[in-house]
C-alpha atoms as a PDB file:
ATOM      1  CA  MET A   1     -31.326  28.840 -11.068  1.00  0.00           C
ATOM      2  CA  PHE A   2     -29.965  30.117  -7.541  1.00  0.00           C
ATOM      3  CA  GLY A   3     -31.449  27.469  -5.756  1.00  0.00           C
ATOM      4  CA  LEU A   4     -30.249  24.426  -7.706  1.00  0.00           C
ATOM      5  CA  THR A   5     -26.587  25.817  -7.423  1.00  0.00           C
ATOM      6  CA  LYS A   6     -27.359  25.995  -3.620  1.00  0.00           C
ATOM      7  CA  LEU A   7     -29.104  22.649  -3.982  1.00  0.00           C
ATOM      8  CA  LYS A   8     -25.959  21.117  -5.812  1.00  0.00           C
ATOM      9  CA  LYS A   9     -23.712  22.508  -2.845  1.00  0.00           C
ATOM     10  CA  ARG A  10     -25.476  20.816  -0.081  1.00  0.00           C
ATOM     11  CA  ILE A  11     -25.281  17.402  -2.028  1.00  0.00           C
ATOM     12  CA  ASN A  12     -21.876  17.526  -2.845  1.00  0.00           C
ATOM     13  CA  GLN A  13     -20.815  18.677   0.917  1.00  0.00           C
ATOM     14  CA  ASN A  14     -23.261  15.694   2.044  1.00  0.00           C
ATOM     15  CA  SER A  15     -21.092  13.473  -0.161  1.00  0.00           C
ATOM     16  CA  GLN A  16     -18.028  14.309   1.136  1.00  0.00           C
ATOM     17  CA  GLU A  17     -18.849  14.245   4.948  1.00  0.00           C
ATOM     18  CA  ALA A  18     -20.315  10.754   3.950  1.00  0.00           C
ATOM     19  CA  TYR A  19     -16.618   9.659   2.119  1.00  0.00           C
ATOM     20  CA  LYS A  20     -15.117  10.912   5.181  1.00  0.00           C
ATOM     21  CA  ARG A  21     -17.364   8.629   7.607  1.00  0.00           C
ATOM     22  CA  VAL A  22     -16.569   5.700   5.057  1.00  0.00           C
ATOM     23  CA  ARG A  23     -13.159   6.062   4.666  1.00  0.00           C
ATOM     24  CA  PRO A  24     -11.140   3.698   6.004  1.00  0.00           C
ATOM     25  CA  THR A  25      -8.098   4.933   7.812  1.00  0.00           C
ATOM     26  CA  ILE A  26      -6.047   1.913   8.432  1.00  0.00           C
ATOM     27  CA  THR A  27      -2.274   2.116   8.612  1.00  0.00           C
ATOM     28  CA  VAL A  28       0.211  -0.116   7.912  1.00  0.00           C
ATOM     29  CA  ARG A  29       3.852  -0.671   9.487  1.00  0.00           C
ATOM     30  CA  GLN A  30       7.153  -0.637   7.239  1.00  0.00           C
ATOM     31  CA  GLU A  31       8.118  -4.112   9.281  1.00  0.00           C
ATOM     32  CA  THR A  32       4.603  -5.289   8.429  1.00  0.00           C
ATOM     33  CA  VAL A  33       4.900  -5.026   4.636  1.00  0.00           C
ATOM     34  CA  LEU A  34       8.370  -6.067   5.123  1.00  0.00           C
ATOM     35  CA  LYS A  35       7.325  -9.297   6.855  1.00  0.00           C
ATOM     36  CA  ALA A  36       4.556  -9.864   4.037  1.00  0.00           C
ATOM     37  CA  ILE A  37       7.078  -9.203   1.281  1.00  0.00           C
ATOM     38  CA  GLN A  38       9.373 -11.593   3.313  1.00  0.00           C
ATOM     39  CA  ASN A  39       6.262 -14.545   3.384  1.00  0.00           C
ATOM     40  CA  LEU A  40       5.020 -13.965  -0.117  1.00  0.00           C
ATOM     41  CA  GLY A  41       8.374 -14.015  -1.804  1.00  0.00           C
ATOM     42  CA  PRO A  42       8.469 -11.597  -5.324  1.00  0.00           C
ATOM     43  CA  CYS A  43       5.084 -10.108  -5.350  1.00  0.00           C
ATOM     44  CA  TYR A  44       3.791  -6.619  -5.971  1.00  0.00           C
ATOM     45  CA  TYR A  45       1.552  -4.338  -3.792  1.00  0.00           C
ATOM     46  CA  ARG A  46      -1.771  -5.825  -4.450  1.00  0.00           C
ATOM     47  CA  ASP A  47      -0.532  -9.235  -3.297  1.00  0.00           C
ATOM     48  CA  ILE A  48       0.628  -7.330  -0.520  1.00  0.00           C
ATOM     49  CA  SER A  49      -2.356  -5.270   0.377  1.00  0.00           C
ATOM     50  CA  ARG A  50      -4.490  -8.520   0.160  1.00  0.00           C
ATOM     51  CA  HIS A  51      -2.287 -10.726   1.927  1.00  0.00           C
ATOM     52  CA  LEU A  52      -2.496  -7.953   4.800  1.00  0.00           C
ATOM     53  CA  ARG A  53      -6.610  -7.455   4.449  1.00  0.00           C
ATOM     54  CA  THR A  54      -5.867  -3.761   3.678  1.00  0.00           C
ATOM     55  CA  ILE A  55      -6.394  -1.337   0.813  1.00  0.00           C
ATOM     56  CA  ASP A  56      -3.688  -0.694  -1.644  1.00  0.00           C
ATOM     57  CA  GLY A  57      -3.389   3.219  -0.590  1.00  0.00           C
ATOM     58  CA  SER A  58      -2.345   1.979   2.771  1.00  0.00           C
ATOM     59  CA  VAL A  59       0.488   0.048   1.115  1.00  0.00           C
ATOM     60  CA  THR A  60       1.985   2.144  -1.280  1.00  0.00           C
ATOM     61  CA  PRO A  61       3.533   4.698   0.891  1.00  0.00           C
ATOM     62  CA  ARG A  62       5.056   1.869   2.843  1.00  0.00           C
ATOM     63  CA  ILE A  63       6.986   0.052  -0.245  1.00  0.00           C
ATOM     64  CA  ALA A  64       8.073   3.630  -1.380  1.00  0.00           C
ATOM     65  CA  GLU A  65       9.613   4.128   1.571  1.00  0.00           C
ATOM     66  CA  LEU A  66      10.900   0.426   2.014  1.00  0.00           C
ATOM     67  CA  LYS A  67      12.942   1.481  -1.500  1.00  0.00           C
ATOM     68  CA  ARG A  68      14.012   4.704  -0.613  1.00  0.00           C
ATOM     69  CA  LYS A  69      15.546   2.944   2.610  1.00  0.00           C
ATOM     70  CA  GLU A  70      16.968  -0.123   0.288  1.00  0.00           C
ATOM     71  CA  LEU A  71      15.304  -2.420   2.367  1.00  0.00           C
ATOM     72  CA  ILE A  72      13.291  -4.001  -0.615  1.00  0.00           C
ATOM     73  CA  ARG A  73      13.745  -3.783  -4.388  1.00  0.00           C
ATOM     74  CA  VAL A  74      12.544  -4.583  -7.829  1.00  0.00           C
ATOM     75  CA  LYS A  75      12.839  -7.992  -8.803  1.00  0.00           C
ATOM     76  CA  PHE A  76      11.196  -7.453 -12.077  1.00  0.00           C
ATOM     77  CA  VAL A  77       8.680  -5.657 -14.100  1.00  0.00           C
ATOM     78  CA  LYS A  78       6.366  -7.363 -15.803  1.00  0.00           C
ATOM     79  CA  VAL A  79       3.811  -5.744 -18.391  1.00  0.00           C
ATOM     80  CA  GLY A  80      -0.067  -6.594 -17.870  1.00  0.00           C
ATOM     81  CA  PRO A  81      -2.279  -7.226 -20.444  1.00  0.00           C
ATOM     82  CA  SER A  82      -3.694  -3.633 -20.240  1.00  0.00           C
ATOM     83  CA  ARG A  83       0.193  -2.914 -20.758  1.00  0.00           C
ATOM     84  CA  ALA A  84       0.470  -2.008 -17.585  1.00  0.00           C
ATOM     85  CA  ARG A  85       4.010  -2.043 -15.704  1.00  0.00           C
ATOM     86  CA  VAL A  86       3.660  -4.152 -12.565  1.00  0.00           C
ATOM     87  CA  SER A  87       6.950  -4.305 -10.094  1.00  0.00           C
ATOM     88  CA  TYR A  88       7.525  -7.249  -8.173  1.00  0.00           C
ATOM     89  CA  TYR A  89       9.301  -6.452  -4.770  1.00  0.00           C
ATOM     90  CA  GLU A  90      11.701  -8.551  -3.160  1.00  0.00           C
ATOM     91  CA  ILE A  91      13.430  -8.152   0.639  1.00  0.00           C
ATOM     92  CA  THR A  92      17.274  -7.105   0.699  1.00  0.00           C
ATOM     93  CA  GLY A  93      19.862  -8.466   2.865  1.00  0.00           C
ATOM     94  CA  LEU A  94      19.712  -5.252   4.538  1.00  0.00           C
ATOM     95  CA  GLY A  95      15.694  -5.720   5.246  1.00  0.00           C
ATOM     96  CA  MET A  96      16.213  -9.239   6.696  1.00  0.00           C
ATOM     97  CA  ARG A  97      18.517  -7.886   8.976  1.00  0.00           C
ATOM     98  CA  HIS A  98      15.914  -4.748   9.603  1.00  0.00           C
ATOM     99  CA  LEU A  99      13.492  -7.168  10.469  1.00  0.00           C
ATOM    100  CA  ILE A 100      15.566  -9.276  12.491  1.00  0.00           C
ATOM    101  CA  GLU A 101      16.252  -6.258  14.667  1.00  0.00           C
ATOM    102  CA  LYS A 102      13.001  -5.068  15.104  1.00  0.00           C
ATOM    103  CA  MET A 103      10.532  -8.132  15.368  1.00  0.00           C
ATOM    104  CA  GLY A 104      13.204 -10.760  16.644  1.00  0.00           C
ATOM    105  CA  SER A 105      12.870 -13.366  14.410  1.00  0.00           C
ATOM    106  CA  ILE A 106      11.859 -13.964  10.491  1.00  0.00           C
ATOM    107  CA  LYS A 107       9.551 -16.803  11.078  1.00  0.00           C
END
């Protein structure tokens, strides 16, 4: 029995090491997410991640930061087929000014 427990621990450790090697470590800047929302119009986080060709996990923290800074707001909430709520975001006037300051233009 002891050998089996030891083997399970080794397999678990190897799978965690493999995940660390494969896991993407892409980070997205706030201005990039802001620009994507400005280009796409009202959209939800998966639209943004597809547009930026990145994973959802790198976009969602930026959305939370942008909402906290009031650079974006929830335009509307839609209930999906699985009864899950989907929030669509849009850029605010403050967000447009921030984008112009940081990037120089909004086109």
